[in-house]
Amino acid sequence: MGSAVRTQPTWAPAAPGRRPRGRASVAVASAPAARAVRCRAMERPPTVRTVTIPFADLKERDKDLGDEIEEGLGPHGLGIISIADLCGECIPHRDRIFSYLCAEILGPSLFARIASLPEDVKKQLEDPDSRYNFGWSHGKEKLESGKLDTFKGSFYANPVFNAPTTDDVLVSRYPSYCRPNIWPTDHLPELEIAFKALGKLMLEVGLMLAHHCDRYGLTSGLFTKNSMEIPCPDNAAGLYIRTRDNRVVKVEFDENQLAYQIGETTEILSRGYLCATPHCVQAPSSEDSSNVDRSTFALFMQPDWDEKLEFPSKIPYHQELIPPNGTLTFGEYSERLVNKYYQATP
């Protein structure tokens, strides 16, 4: 399926926030602020279920969900919560339910076609000025070893604003967030409609949690082979999280649920009360996994680029990027991370 046919597992804390930017990946989606290190393959991995909140409870703003939030996202939690029962009846004015949108975008109808577009067409969808944070990206993100990650392909867009700002100064200052979307209008016009619909649905649900802290939304992985959806061929494949006591566990949530992870900026803003979730995705590696692709759709929700971040005295990552006074705007911090992990030129 195009050039993005396998996932290379990497560890990465999630990226958080308030201003949305949707990111769909043919293989695996990880934050642009990711610390990328190898995720060791595991036999018979320990498996845990996420803390789950029914959507009916979530939409009751006065309902006390403190225990669930504490258990899932607090200092002793996994840093991830899933939202269940996302049916069409639960979300007013939605004529496309969550499961349909996931199948529409992640399934062979769109994702395989993105990766299978001619190379010259995908080249036109690249945006090097944004560090490949808009449009098509393949082999541009650097692992911690310094090598380029060629095992995944991603398509990025803002599902809410086609152009987040018309201010040329901001576009030049924060190109990874302020540049306009790039859509394959001539080849896949239906992508923009489905992408925005799923991204906005995830944002709508995420904003119901936003009064607690910044969140990161994620759909479960979908596996395809020869452009046909199949069950996961390897029970060791999937999402892994490093727990607070430094154990690595495989995390599971149902395919009709949305999962929200804590990201680095949430840890900074909460002064460590809520902790980022080091995580990775392991690709299928069994005998039945040849030519199998894993697709997922991730929505990053982050603060405005001019939001000031005051870093705690102890932060477990990216110490070399933090100035002596311990203060950066979110945009400044993000650009430093993007420069660290992405190529600036083709």
C-alpha atoms as a PDB file:
ATOM      1  CA  MET A   1       0.000   0.000   0.000  1.00  0.00           C
ATOM      2  CA  GLY A   2       2.030   2.888  -1.270  1.00  0.00           C
ATOM      3  CA  SER A   3       5.283   3.488   0.541  1.00  0.00           C
ATOM      4  CA  ALA A   4       3.816   3.336   4.039  1.00  0.00           C
ATOM      5  CA  VAL A   5       3.336  -0.341   4.618  1.00  0.00           C
ATOM      6  CA  ARG A   6       4.544  -1.098   8.139  1.00  0.00           C
ATOM      7  CA  THR A   7       4.702   0.662  11.470  1.00  0.00           C
ATOM      8  CA  GLN A   8       8.031   1.195  13.211  1.00  0.00           C
ATOM      9  CA  PRO A   9       7.299   1.270  16.954  1.00  0.00           C
ATOM     10  CA  THR A  10       8.530   4.379  18.764  1.00  0.00           C
ATOM     11  CA  TRP A  11       7.996   5.692  22.285  1.00  0.00           C
ATOM     12  CA  ALA A  12       6.388   9.122  22.518  1.00  0.00           C
ATOM     13  CA  PRO A  13       4.563  11.195  25.146  1.00  0.00           C
ATOM     14  CA  ALA A  14       1.317  12.499  23.689  1.00  0.00           C
ATOM     15  CA  ALA A  15       0.882  16.113  22.599  1.00  0.00           C
ATOM     16  CA  PRO A  16      -2.016  17.998  24.200  1.00  0.00           C
ATOM     17  CA  GLY A  17      -3.983  21.199  23.964  1.00  0.00           C
ATOM     18  CA  ARG A  18      -6.910  23.346  23.041  1.00  0.00           C
ATOM     19  CA  ARG A  19      -6.595  24.509  19.404  1.00  0.00           C
ATOM     20  CA  PRO A  20      -7.331  21.401  17.316  1.00  0.00           C
ATOM     21  CA  ARG A  21      -5.299  19.885  14.547  1.00  0.00           C
ATOM     22  CA  GLY A  22      -6.329  16.505  13.181  1.00  0.00           C
ATOM     23  CA  ARG A  23      -3.723  14.009  12.111  1.00  0.00           C
ATOM     24  CA  ALA A  24      -4.562  10.856  10.236  1.00  0.00           C
ATOM     25  CA  SER A  25      -1.884   8.262   9.613  1.00  0.00           C
ATOM     26  CA  VAL A  26      -1.773   5.293   7.282  1.00  0.00           C
ATOM     27  CA  ALA A  27       0.489   3.508   9.712  1.00  0.00           C
ATOM     28  CA  VAL A  28       0.879   5.113  13.128  1.00  0.00           C
ATOM     29  CA  ALA A  29       0.299   8.699  14.282  1.00  0.00           C
ATOM     30  CA  SER A  30       2.613  10.163  16.923  1.00  0.00           C
ATOM     31  CA  ALA A  31       3.009  13.692  18.275  1.00  0.00           C
ATOM     32  CA  PRO A  32       5.344  16.066  16.449  1.00  0.00           C
ATOM     33  CA  ALA A  33       6.846  16.672  19.874  1.00  0.00           C
ATOM     34  CA  ALA A  34       7.630  12.981  20.204  1.00  0.00           C
ATOM     35  CA  ARG A  35      10.648  11.480  21.885  1.00  0.00           C
ATOM     36  CA  ALA A  36      11.218   8.601  19.494  1.00  0.00           C
ATOM     37  CA  VAL A  37      13.031   5.553  20.885  1.00  0.00           C
ATOM     38  CA  ARG A  38      12.671   1.882  20.132  1.00  0.00           C
ATOM     39  CA  CYS A  39       9.726  -0.080  21.504  1.00  0.00           C
ATOM     40  CA  ARG A  40      10.906  -3.618  22.130  1.00  0.00           C
ATOM     41  CA  ALA A  41       8.702  -6.364  20.761  1.00  0.00           C
ATOM     42  CA  MET A  42       7.093  -8.423  23.521  1.00  0.00           C
ATOM     43  CA  GLU A  43       5.737 -11.945  23.597  1.00  0.00           C
ATOM     44  CA  ARG A  44       2.431 -12.459  25.416  1.00  0.00           C
ATOM     45  CA  PRO A  45       2.356  -8.871  26.670  1.00  0.00           C
ATOM     46  CA  PRO A  46       0.407  -7.985  29.806  1.00  0.00           C
ATOM     47  CA  THR A  47      -2.876  -6.368  28.817  1.00  0.00           C
ATOM     48  CA  VAL A  48      -4.937  -3.798  30.710  1.00  0.00           C
ATOM     49  CA  ARG A  49      -8.250  -2.101  29.920  1.00  0.00           C
ATOM     50  CA  THR A  50      -8.621   1.642  29.907  1.00  0.00           C
ATOM     51  CA  VAL A  51     -10.834   3.437  32.396  1.00  0.00           C
ATOM     52  CA  THR A  52     -14.053   4.008  30.449  1.00  0.00           C
ATOM     53  CA  ILE A  53     -16.645   6.784  30.775  1.00  0.00           C
ATOM     54  CA  PRO A  54     -20.023   6.356  29.030  1.00  0.00           C
ATOM     55  CA  PHE A  55     -20.784   9.262  26.719  1.00  0.00           C
ATOM     56  CA  ALA A  56     -24.162   9.712  28.414  1.00  0.00           C
ATOM     57  CA  ASP A  57     -22.319  10.496  31.663  1.00  0.00           C
ATOM     58  CA  LEU A  58     -19.744  12.677  29.950  1.00  0.00           C
ATOM     59  CA  LYS A  59     -22.310  15.000  28.419  1.00  0.00           C
ATOM     60  CA  GLU A  60     -23.858  15.696  31.854  1.00  0.00           C
ATOM     61  CA  ARG A  61     -21.663  18.623  32.816  1.00  0.00           C
ATOM     62  CA  ASP A  62     -22.773  18.555  36.443  1.00  0.00           C
ATOM     63  CA  LYS A  63     -22.046  14.855  36.916  1.00  0.00           C
ATOM     64  CA  ASP A  64     -19.108  14.114  39.205  1.00  0.00           C
ATOM     65  CA  LEU A  65     -16.532  12.169  37.193  1.00  0.00           C
ATOM     66  CA  GLY A  66     -13.682  12.954  39.575  1.00  0.00           C
ATOM     67  CA  ASP A  67     -13.038   9.339  40.531  1.00  0.00           C
ATOM     68  CA  GLU A  68     -12.805   8.222  36.894  1.00  0.00           C
ATOM     69  CA  ILE A  69     -10.550  11.149  35.971  1.00  0.00           C
ATOM     70  CA  GLU A  70      -8.297  10.487  38.957  1.00  0.00           C
ATOM     71  CA  GLU A  71      -8.112   6.757  38.247  1.00  0.00           C
ATOM     72  CA  GLY A  72      -7.390   7.151  34.551  1.00  0.00           C
ATOM     73  CA  LEU A  73      -5.350  10.362  34.327  1.00  0.00           C
ATOM     74  CA  GLY A  74      -3.980  11.026  37.811  1.00  0.00           C
ATOM     75  CA  PRO A  75      -0.462  10.337  39.134  1.00  0.00           C
ATOM     76  CA  HIS A  76      -1.167   6.614  39.518  1.00  0.00           C
ATOM     77  CA  GLY A  77      -3.253   6.121  36.364  1.00  0.00           C
ATOM     78  CA  LEU A  78      -2.312   5.008  32.873  1.00  0.00           C
ATOM     79  CA  GLY A  79      -2.834   8.518  31.526  1.00  0.00           C
ATOM     80  CA  ILE A  80      -5.583   7.398  29.161  1.00  0.00           C
ATOM     81  CA  ILE A  81      -9.395   7.255  29.286  1.00  0.00           C
ATOM     82  CA  SER A  82     -11.803   5.898  26.690  1.00  0.00           C
ATOM     83  CA  ILE A  83     -15.289   7.215  25.942  1.00  0.00           C
ATOM     84  CA  ALA A  84     -17.929   4.567  25.200  1.00  0.00           C
ATOM     85  CA  ASP A  85     -21.335   4.493  23.506  1.00  0.00           C
ATOM     86  CA  LEU A  86     -20.686   7.123  20.843  1.00  0.00           C
ATOM     87  CA  CYS A  87     -23.920   6.384  19.012  1.00  0.00           C
ATOM     88  CA  GLY A  88     -25.647   8.714  16.577  1.00  0.00           C
ATOM     89  CA  GLU A  89     -28.487   9.330  19.025  1.00  0.00           C
ATOM     90  CA  CYS A  90     -26.071  10.591  21.676  1.00  0.00           C
ATOM     91  CA  ILE A  91     -24.699  13.444  19.584  1.00  0.00           C
ATOM     92  CA  PRO A  92     -27.339  15.861  18.269  1.00  0.00           C
ATOM     93  CA  HIS A  93     -27.403  16.824  14.588  1.00  0.00           C
ATOM     94  CA  ARG A  94     -25.092  13.960  13.582  1.00  0.00           C
ATOM     95  CA  ASP A  95     -26.272  11.879  10.653  1.00  0.00           C
ATOM     96  CA  ARG A  96     -22.965  10.003  10.403  1.00  0.00           C
ATOM     97  CA  ILE A  97     -22.102   7.958  13.451  1.00  0.00           C
ATOM     98  CA  PHE A  98     -18.596   7.561  14.785  1.00  0.00           C
ATOM     99  CA  SER A  99     -18.077   3.997  13.600  1.00  0.00           C
ATOM    100  CA  TYR A 100     -19.113   4.906  10.048  1.00  0.00           C
ATOM    101  CA  LEU A 101     -16.680   7.820   9.905  1.00  0.00           C
ATOM    102  CA  CYS A 102     -13.833   5.667  11.199  1.00  0.00           C
ATOM    103  CA  ALA A 103     -14.560   3.036   8.577  1.00  0.00           C
ATOM    104  CA  GLU A 104     -14.877   5.719   5.900  1.00  0.00           C
ATOM    105  CA  ILE A 105     -11.493   7.295   6.663  1.00  0.00           C
ATOM    106  CA  LEU A 106      -9.397   4.426   8.013  1.00  0.00           C
ATOM    107  CA  GLY A 107     -10.763   1.758   5.736  1.00  0.00           C
ATOM    108  CA  PRO A 108      -9.609   0.911   2.221  1.00  0.00           C
ATOM    109  CA  SER A 109     -11.963   3.472   0.700  1.00  0.00           C
ATOM    110  CA  LEU A 110      -9.737   6.446   1.606  1.00  0.00           C
ATOM    111  CA  PHE A 111      -6.552   5.632   3.466  1.00  0.00           C
ATOM    112  CA  ALA A 112      -5.291   3.008   1.071  1.00  0.00           C
ATOM    113  CA  ARG A 113      -6.029   5.394  -1.756  1.00  0.00           C
ATOM    114  CA  ILE A 114      -4.028   8.211  -0.135  1.00  0.00           C
ATOM    115  CA  ALA A 115      -0.953   6.032   0.236  1.00  0.00           C
ATOM    116  CA  SER A 116      -1.444   4.592  -3.252  1.00  0.00           C
ATOM    117  CA  LEU A 117      -1.562   7.943  -5.030  1.00  0.00           C
ATOM    118  CA  PRO A 118       1.214   8.435  -7.587  1.00  0.00           C
ATOM    119  CA  GLU A 119       4.441   9.703  -6.090  1.00  0.00           C
ATOM    120  CA  ASP A 120       4.257  12.962  -8.035  1.00  0.00           C
ATOM    121  CA  VAL A 121       0.769  13.625  -6.646  1.00  0.00           C
ATOM    122  CA  LYS A 122       1.873  12.927  -3.060  1.00  0.00           C
ATOM    123  CA  LYS A 123       4.824  15.233  -3.637  1.00  0.00           C
ATOM    124  CA  GLN A 124       2.390  18.034  -4.466  1.00  0.00           C
ATOM    125  CA  LEU A 125       0.625  17.344  -1.136  1.00  0.00           C
ATOM    126  CA  GLU A 126       3.810  17.872   0.885  1.00  0.00           C
ATOM    127  CA  ASP A 127       4.473  21.111   2.767  1.00  0.00           C
ATOM    128  CA  PRO A 128       8.160  21.354   3.747  1.00  0.00           C
ATOM    129  CA  ASP A 129       7.657  24.928   5.020  1.00  0.00           C
ATOM    130  CA  SER A 130       5.457  23.534   7.818  1.00  0.00           C
ATOM    131  CA  ARG A 131       8.033  20.798   8.596  1.00  0.00           C
ATOM    132  CA  TYR A 132       5.567  18.445   6.873  1.00  0.00           C
ATOM    133  CA  ASN A 133       2.894  19.133   9.506  1.00  0.00           C
ATOM    134  CA  PHE A 134       0.298  19.759   6.794  1.00  0.00           C
ATOM    135  CA  GLY A 135      -0.532  17.414   3.950  1.00  0.00           C
ATOM    136  CA  TRP A 136       1.374  14.215   3.171  1.00  0.00           C
ATOM    137  CA  SER A 137       4.423  13.199   5.216  1.00  0.00           C
ATOM    138  CA  HIS A 138       6.578  10.135   4.775  1.00  0.00           C
ATOM    139  CA  GLY A 139      10.138   9.598   5.967  1.00  0.00           C
ATOM    140  CA  LYS A 140      10.494  13.135   7.365  1.00  0.00           C
ATOM    141  CA  GLU A 141      10.399  12.537  11.131  1.00  0.00           C
ATOM    142  CA  LYS A 142      13.701  11.650  12.780  1.00  0.00           C
ATOM    143  CA  LEU A 143      14.014   8.911  15.382  1.00  0.00           C
ATOM    144  CA  GLU A 144      16.235   9.512  18.395  1.00  0.00           C
ATOM    145  CA  SER A 145      18.987   7.608  16.602  1.00  0.00           C
ATOM    146  CA  GLY A 146      18.970  10.340  13.955  1.00  0.00           C
ATOM    147  CA  LYS A 147      17.576   8.031  11.281  1.00  0.00           C
ATOM    148  CA  LEU A 148      14.457   9.001   9.358  1.00  0.00           C
ATOM    149  CA  ASP A 149      11.322   7.006  10.170  1.00  0.00           C
ATOM    150  CA  THR A 150      10.313   5.495   6.830  1.00  0.00           C
ATOM    151  CA  PHE A 151       7.913   2.948   8.321  1.00  0.00           C
ATOM    152  CA  LYS A 152       4.869   5.178   8.430  1.00  0.00           C
ATOM    153  CA  GLY A 153       3.042   7.663   6.290  1.00  0.00           C
ATOM    154  CA  SER A 154       0.773  10.412   7.628  1.00  0.00           C
ATOM    155  CA  PHE A 155      -1.700  12.938   6.296  1.00  0.00           C
ATOM    156  CA  TYR A 156      -2.167  16.074   8.401  1.00  0.00           C
ATOM    157  CA  ALA A 157      -4.845  18.748   8.386  1.00  0.00           C
ATOM    158  CA  ASN A 158      -6.691  21.095  10.712  1.00  0.00           C
ATOM    159  CA  PRO A 159     -10.280  19.734  10.816  1.00  0.00           C
ATOM    160  CA  VAL A 160     -11.777  23.042  11.982  1.00  0.00           C
ATOM    161  CA  PHE A 161      -9.941  25.792  10.085  1.00  0.00           C
ATOM    162  CA  ASN A 162      -8.648  25.428   6.527  1.00  0.00           C
ATOM    163  CA  ALA A 163      -6.515  28.479   7.281  1.00  0.00           C
ATOM    164  CA  PRO A 164      -6.039  29.054  11.050  1.00  0.00           C
ATOM    165  CA  THR A 165      -4.983  32.679  10.488  1.00  0.00           C
ATOM    166  CA  THR A 166      -4.480  35.217   7.713  1.00  0.00           C
ATOM    167  CA  ASP A 167      -1.744  37.013   9.647  1.00  0.00           C
ATOM    168  CA  ASP A 168       1.427  36.541   7.588  1.00  0.00           C
ATOM    169  CA  VAL A 169       3.597  37.226  10.638  1.00  0.00           C
ATOM    170  CA  LEU A 170       2.009  34.330  12.544  1.00  0.00           C
ATOM    171  CA  VAL A 171       2.176  32.050   9.501  1.00  0.00           C
ATOM    172  CA  SER A 172       5.891  32.766   9.228  1.00  0.00           C
ATOM    173  CA  ARG A 173       6.496  32.513  12.990  1.00  0.00           C
ATOM    174  CA  TYR A 174       4.509  29.293  13.591  1.00  0.00           C
ATOM    175  CA  PRO A 175       4.364  27.453  10.253  1.00  0.00           C
ATOM    176  CA  SER A 176       3.711  24.073  11.875  1.00  0.00           C
ATOM    177  CA  TYR A 177       0.355  25.348  13.155  1.00  0.00           C
ATOM    178  CA  CYS A 178      -0.671  28.343  11.045  1.00  0.00           C
ATOM    179  CA  ARG A 179      -0.178  27.264   7.456  1.00  0.00           C
ATOM    180  CA  PRO A 180      -3.275  26.333   5.413  1.00  0.00           C
ATOM    181  CA  ASN A 181      -4.527  22.820   4.787  1.00  0.00           C
ATOM    182  CA  ILE A 182      -3.598  20.953   1.622  1.00  0.00           C
ATOM    183  CA  TRP A 183      -6.288  18.622   0.248  1.00  0.00           C
ATOM    184  CA  PRO A 184      -6.084  16.176  -2.684  1.00  0.00           C
ATOM    185  CA  THR A 185      -9.115  17.874  -4.230  1.00  0.00           C
ATOM    186  CA  ASP A 186      -8.540  16.588  -7.762  1.00  0.00           C
ATOM    187  CA  HIS A 187      -7.877  12.986  -6.725  1.00  0.00           C
ATOM    188  CA  LEU A 188      -9.765  12.390  -3.441  1.00  0.00           C
ATOM    189  CA  PRO A 189     -12.302  15.204  -2.944  1.00  0.00           C
ATOM    190  CA  GLU A 190     -14.256  13.105  -0.429  1.00  0.00           C
ATOM    191  CA  LEU A 191     -11.294  13.026   1.981  1.00  0.00           C
ATOM    192  CA  GLU A 192     -11.798  16.602   3.179  1.00  0.00           C
ATOM    193  CA  ILE A 193     -15.464  16.003   4.056  1.00  0.00           C
ATOM    194  CA  ALA A 194     -14.883  12.774   5.992  1.00  0.00           C
ATOM    195  CA  PHE A 195     -11.669  14.026   7.647  1.00  0.00           C
ATOM    196  CA  LYS A 196     -13.325  17.177   8.968  1.00  0.00           C
ATOM    197  CA  ALA A 197     -16.438  15.337  10.148  1.00  0.00           C
ATOM    198  CA  LEU A 198     -14.481  12.807  12.212  1.00  0.00           C
ATOM    199  CA  GLY A 199     -12.079  15.446  13.515  1.00  0.00           C
ATOM    200  CA  LYS A 200     -14.895  17.731  14.636  1.00  0.00           C
ATOM    201  CA  LEU A 201     -16.710  14.854  16.327  1.00  0.00           C
ATOM    202  CA  MET A 202     -13.547  13.970  18.263  1.00  0.00           C
ATOM    203  CA  LEU A 203     -13.070  17.633  19.152  1.00  0.00           C
ATOM    204  CA  GLU A 204     -16.672  17.897  20.359  1.00  0.00           C
ATOM    205  CA  VAL A 205     -16.217  14.951  22.692  1.00  0.00           C
ATOM    206  CA  GLY A 206     -12.769  16.169  23.769  1.00  0.00           C
ATOM    207  CA  LEU A 207     -14.101  19.594  24.702  1.00  0.00           C
ATOM    208  CA  MET A 208     -16.475  17.901  27.131  1.00  0.00           C
ATOM    209  CA  LEU A 209     -13.321  16.948  29.027  1.00  0.00           C
ATOM    210  CA  ALA A 210     -11.476  20.217  28.425  1.00  0.00           C
ATOM    211  CA  HIS A 211     -12.507  21.826  31.722  1.00  0.00           C
ATOM    212  CA  HIS A 212     -10.435  19.165  33.509  1.00  0.00           C
ATOM    213  CA  CYS A 213      -7.260  19.417  31.439  1.00  0.00           C
ATOM    214  CA  ASP A 214      -5.934  19.365  27.884  1.00  0.00           C
ATOM    215  CA  ARG A 215      -6.563  16.068  26.117  1.00  0.00           C
ATOM    216  CA  TYR A 216      -5.486  14.042  23.108  1.00  0.00           C
ATOM    217  CA  GLY A 217      -8.022  11.949  21.094  1.00  0.00           C
ATOM    218  CA  LEU A 218      -7.308   8.657  19.351  1.00  0.00           C
ATOM    219  CA  THR A 219      -9.282   6.039  17.456  1.00  0.00           C
ATOM    220  CA  SER A 220      -8.459   2.358  17.700  1.00  0.00           C
ATOM    221  CA  GLY A 221      -6.251   0.902  14.982  1.00  0.00           C
ATOM    222  CA  LEU A 222      -7.737  -0.604  11.836  1.00  0.00           C
ATOM    223  CA  PHE A 223      -5.851  -3.332   9.958  1.00  0.00           C
ATOM    224  CA  THR A 224      -5.993  -3.890   6.221  1.00  0.00           C
ATOM    225  CA  LYS A 225      -4.372  -6.345   3.815  1.00  0.00           C
ATOM    226  CA  ASN A 226      -4.543  -5.991   0.055  1.00  0.00           C
ATOM    227  CA  SER A 227      -7.006  -3.105   0.576  1.00  0.00           C
ATOM    228  CA  MET A 228      -9.394  -5.302   2.615  1.00  0.00           C
ATOM    229  CA  GLU A 229     -10.179  -4.811   6.307  1.00  0.00           C
ATOM    230  CA  ILE A 230      -9.060  -7.774   8.452  1.00  0.00           C
ATOM    231  CA  PRO A 231      -8.914  -8.617  12.181  1.00  0.00           C
ATOM    232  CA  CYS A 232      -5.604  -7.860  13.880  1.00  0.00           C
ATOM    233  CA  PRO A 233      -3.328 -10.746  12.826  1.00  0.00           C
ATOM    234  CA  ASP A 234      -1.034 -10.492  15.858  1.00  0.00           C
ATOM    235  CA  ASN A 235      -2.302 -10.196  19.435  1.00  0.00           C
ATOM    236  CA  ALA A 236       0.976  -8.544  20.428  1.00  0.00           C
ATOM    237  CA  ALA A 237       0.335  -5.643  18.052  1.00  0.00           C
ATOM    238  CA  GLY A 238      -1.283  -2.443  19.276  1.00  0.00           C
ATOM    239  CA  LEU A 239      -0.891   0.422  21.739  1.00  0.00           C
ATOM    240  CA  TYR A 240       1.601   0.126  24.607  1.00  0.00           C
ATOM    241  CA  ILE A 241       1.983   2.441  27.588  1.00  0.00           C
ATOM    242  CA  ARG A 242       4.783   2.787  30.114  1.00  0.00           C
ATOM    243  CA  THR A 243       3.104   2.892  33.526  1.00  0.00           C
ATOM    244  CA  ARG A 244       4.031   5.166  36.420  1.00  0.00           C
ATOM    245  CA  ASP A 245       6.030   2.288  37.988  1.00  0.00           C
ATOM    246  CA  ASN A 246       7.958   1.815  34.705  1.00  0.00           C
ATOM    247  CA  ARG A 247       6.151  -1.320  33.520  1.00  0.00           C
ATOM    248  CA  VAL A 248       5.206  -1.687  29.870  1.00  0.00           C
ATOM    249  CA  VAL A 249       1.632  -2.880  29.299  1.00  0.00           C
ATOM    250  CA  LYS A 250      -0.561  -3.287  26.260  1.00  0.00           C
ATOM    251  CA  VAL A 251      -3.662  -1.086  26.478  1.00  0.00           C
ATOM    252  CA  GLU A 252      -6.974  -2.071  24.935  1.00  0.00           C
ATOM    253  CA  PHE A 253     -10.213  -0.228  24.282  1.00  0.00           C
ATOM    254  CA  ASP A 254     -13.122  -1.131  22.032  1.00  0.00           C
ATOM    255  CA  GLU A 255     -13.122  -0.170  18.372  1.00  0.00           C
ATOM    256  CA  ASN A 256     -16.279   1.931  18.857  1.00  0.00           C
ATOM    257  CA  GLN A 257     -14.679   4.000  21.630  1.00  0.00           C
ATOM    258  CA  LEU A 258     -12.532   7.140  21.613  1.00  0.00           C
ATOM    259  CA  ALA A 259      -9.427   7.232  23.799  1.00  0.00           C
ATOM    260  CA  TYR A 260      -7.972  10.439  25.265  1.00  0.00           C
ATOM    261  CA  GLN A 261      -4.378  10.593  26.444  1.00  0.00           C
ATOM    262  CA  ILE A 262      -2.577  13.151  28.584  1.00  0.00           C
ATOM    263  CA  GLY A 263       0.167  15.045  26.754  1.00  0.00           C
ATOM    264  CA  GLU A 264       3.326  16.902  27.655  1.00  0.00           C
ATOM    265  CA  THR A 265       1.762  20.356  27.808  1.00  0.00           C
ATOM    266  CA  THR A 266      -0.913  19.138  30.212  1.00  0.00           C
ATOM    267  CA  GLU A 267       1.825  17.873  32.500  1.00  0.00           C
ATOM    268  CA  ILE A 268       3.522  21.268  32.320  1.00  0.00           C
ATOM    269  CA  LEU A 269       0.324  23.272  32.881  1.00  0.00           C
ATOM    270  CA  SER A 270      -0.815  21.039  35.756  1.00  0.00           C
ATOM    271  CA  ARG A 271       2.644  21.232  37.374  1.00  0.00           C
ATOM    272  CA  GLY A 272       2.953  17.460  37.176  1.00  0.00           C
ATOM    273  CA  TYR A 273      -0.409  16.631  38.756  1.00  0.00           C
ATOM    274  CA  LEU A 274      -1.478  15.026  35.473  1.00  0.00           C
ATOM    275  CA  CYS A 275       1.322  13.163  33.719  1.00  0.00           C
ATOM    276  CA  ALA A 276       2.133  12.630  30.051  1.00  0.00           C
ATOM    277  CA  THR A 277       1.788   9.094  28.762  1.00  0.00           C
ATOM    278  CA  PRO A 278       4.906   7.563  27.190  1.00  0.00           C
ATOM    279  CA  HIS A 279       3.450   5.249  24.586  1.00  0.00           C
ATOM    280  CA  CYS A 280       4.277   3.393  21.410  1.00  0.00           C
ATOM    281  CA  VAL A 281       2.557   1.300  18.779  1.00  0.00           C
ATOM    282  CA  GLN A 282       3.865  -2.144  17.873  1.00  0.00           C
ATOM    283  CA  ALA A 283       3.219  -3.339  14.349  1.00  0.00           C
ATOM    284  CA  PRO A 284       2.024  -6.882  13.620  1.00  0.00           C
ATOM    285  CA  SER A 285       4.993  -9.242  13.285  1.00  0.00           C
ATOM    286  CA  SER A 286       3.459 -12.720  13.134  1.00  0.00           C
ATOM    287  CA  GLU A 287       3.658 -15.043  10.122  1.00  0.00           C
ATOM    288  CA  ASP A 288       0.237 -13.794   8.991  1.00  0.00           C
ATOM    289  CA  SER A 289       1.286 -10.122   9.052  1.00  0.00           C
ATOM    290  CA  SER A 290       2.951  -9.812   5.661  1.00  0.00           C
ATOM    291  CA  ASN A 291       1.630  -6.766   3.748  1.00  0.00           C
ATOM    292  CA  VAL A 292      -0.643  -5.787   6.634  1.00  0.00           C
ATOM    293  CA  ASP A 293      -1.146  -2.056   7.310  1.00  0.00           C
ATOM    294  CA  ARG A 294      -2.368  -0.418  10.505  1.00  0.00           C
ATOM    295  CA  SER A 295      -4.366   2.828  10.265  1.00  0.00           C
ATOM    296  CA  THR A 296      -5.512   5.212  12.963  1.00  0.00           C
ATOM    297  CA  PHE A 297      -6.844   8.777  13.207  1.00  0.00           C
ATOM    298  CA  ALA A 298      -5.456  11.085  15.892  1.00  0.00           C
ATOM    299  CA  LEU A 299      -6.655  14.554  16.885  1.00  0.00           C
ATOM    300  CA  PHE A 300      -4.188  16.755  18.745  1.00  0.00           C
ATOM    301  CA  MET A 301      -5.716  19.449  20.933  1.00  0.00           C
ATOM    302  CA  GLN A 302      -3.221  22.075  22.044  1.00  0.00           C
ATOM    303  CA  PRO A 303      -3.163  25.583  23.540  1.00  0.00           C
ATOM    304  CA  ASP A 304      -3.026  28.724  21.438  1.00  0.00           C
ATOM    305  CA  TRP A 305       0.489  29.404  20.173  1.00  0.00           C
ATOM    306  CA  ASP A 306       0.842  32.494  22.406  1.00  0.00           C
ATOM    307  CA  GLU A 307      -0.111  30.624  25.598  1.00  0.00           C
ATOM    308  CA  LYS A 308       2.759  30.962  28.102  1.00  0.00           C
ATOM    309  CA  LEU A 309       4.200  27.776  29.544  1.00  0.00           C
ATOM    310  CA  GLU A 310       6.023  27.973  32.858  1.00  0.00           C
ATOM    311  CA  PHE A 311       8.030  24.791  33.191  1.00  0.00           C
ATOM    312  CA  PRO A 312       8.252  22.988  36.533  1.00  0.00           C
ATOM    313  CA  SER A 313      11.725  22.711  38.017  1.00  0.00           C
ATOM    314  CA  LYS A 314      11.692  18.978  37.328  1.00  0.00           C
ATOM    315  CA  ILE A 315      10.508  17.823  33.941  1.00  0.00           C
ATOM    316  CA  PRO A 316      11.611  14.422  32.608  1.00  0.00           C
ATOM    317  CA  TYR A 317      12.196  15.388  28.965  1.00  0.00           C
ATOM    318  CA  HIS A 318      13.561  18.040  26.588  1.00  0.00           C
ATOM    319  CA  GLN A 319      15.602  19.809  29.268  1.00  0.00           C
ATOM    320  CA  GLU A 320      17.944  21.112  26.564  1.00  0.00           C
ATOM    321  CA  LEU A 321      15.097  23.115  24.977  1.00  0.00           C
ATOM    322  CA  ILE A 322      13.997  24.951  28.122  1.00  0.00           C
ATOM    323  CA  PRO A 323      15.551  28.410  28.731  1.00  0.00           C
ATOM    324  CA  PRO A 324      17.058  29.355  32.097  1.00  0.00           C
ATOM    325  CA  ASN A 325      13.995  31.410  33.046  1.00  0.00           C
ATOM    326  CA  GLY A 326      11.796  28.365  32.452  1.00  0.00           C
ATOM    327  CA  THR A 327       9.234  30.204  30.282  1.00  0.00           C
ATOM    328  CA  LEU A 328       8.248  29.776  26.617  1.00  0.00           C
ATOM    329  CA  THR A 329       5.056  30.233  24.676  1.00  0.00           C
ATOM    330  CA  PHE A 330       3.464  27.032  23.431  1.00  0.00           C
ATOM    331  CA  GLY A 331       4.339  28.041  19.876  1.00  0.00           C
ATOM    332  CA  GLU A 332       8.001  28.602  20.750  1.00  0.00           C
ATOM    333  CA  TYR A 333       8.239  25.291  22.588  1.00  0.00           C
ATOM    334  CA  SER A 334       6.519  23.403  19.780  1.00  0.00           C
ATOM    335  CA  GLU A 335       8.737  24.903  17.081  1.00  0.00           C
ATOM    336  CA  ARG A 336      11.838  23.858  19.014  1.00  0.00           C
ATOM    337  CA  LEU A 337      10.500  20.316  19.200  1.00  0.00           C
ATOM    338  CA  VAL A 338       9.523  20.273  15.536  1.00  0.00           C
ATOM    339  CA  ASN A 339      13.026  21.464  14.596  1.00  0.00           C
ATOM    340  CA  LYS A 340      14.483  18.662  16.684  1.00  0.00           C
ATOM    341  CA  TYR A 341      12.505  15.836  15.128  1.00  0.00           C
ATOM    342  CA  TYR A 342      11.633  16.887  11.575  1.00  0.00           C
ATOM    343  CA  GLN A 343      13.571  17.731   8.464  1.00  0.00           C
ATOM    344  CA  ALA A 344      13.269  21.397   7.498  1.00  0.00           C
ATOM    345  CA  THR A 345      13.842  20.747   3.794  1.00  0.00           C
ATOM    346  CA  PRO A 346      12.904  17.942   1.386  1.00  0.00           C
END
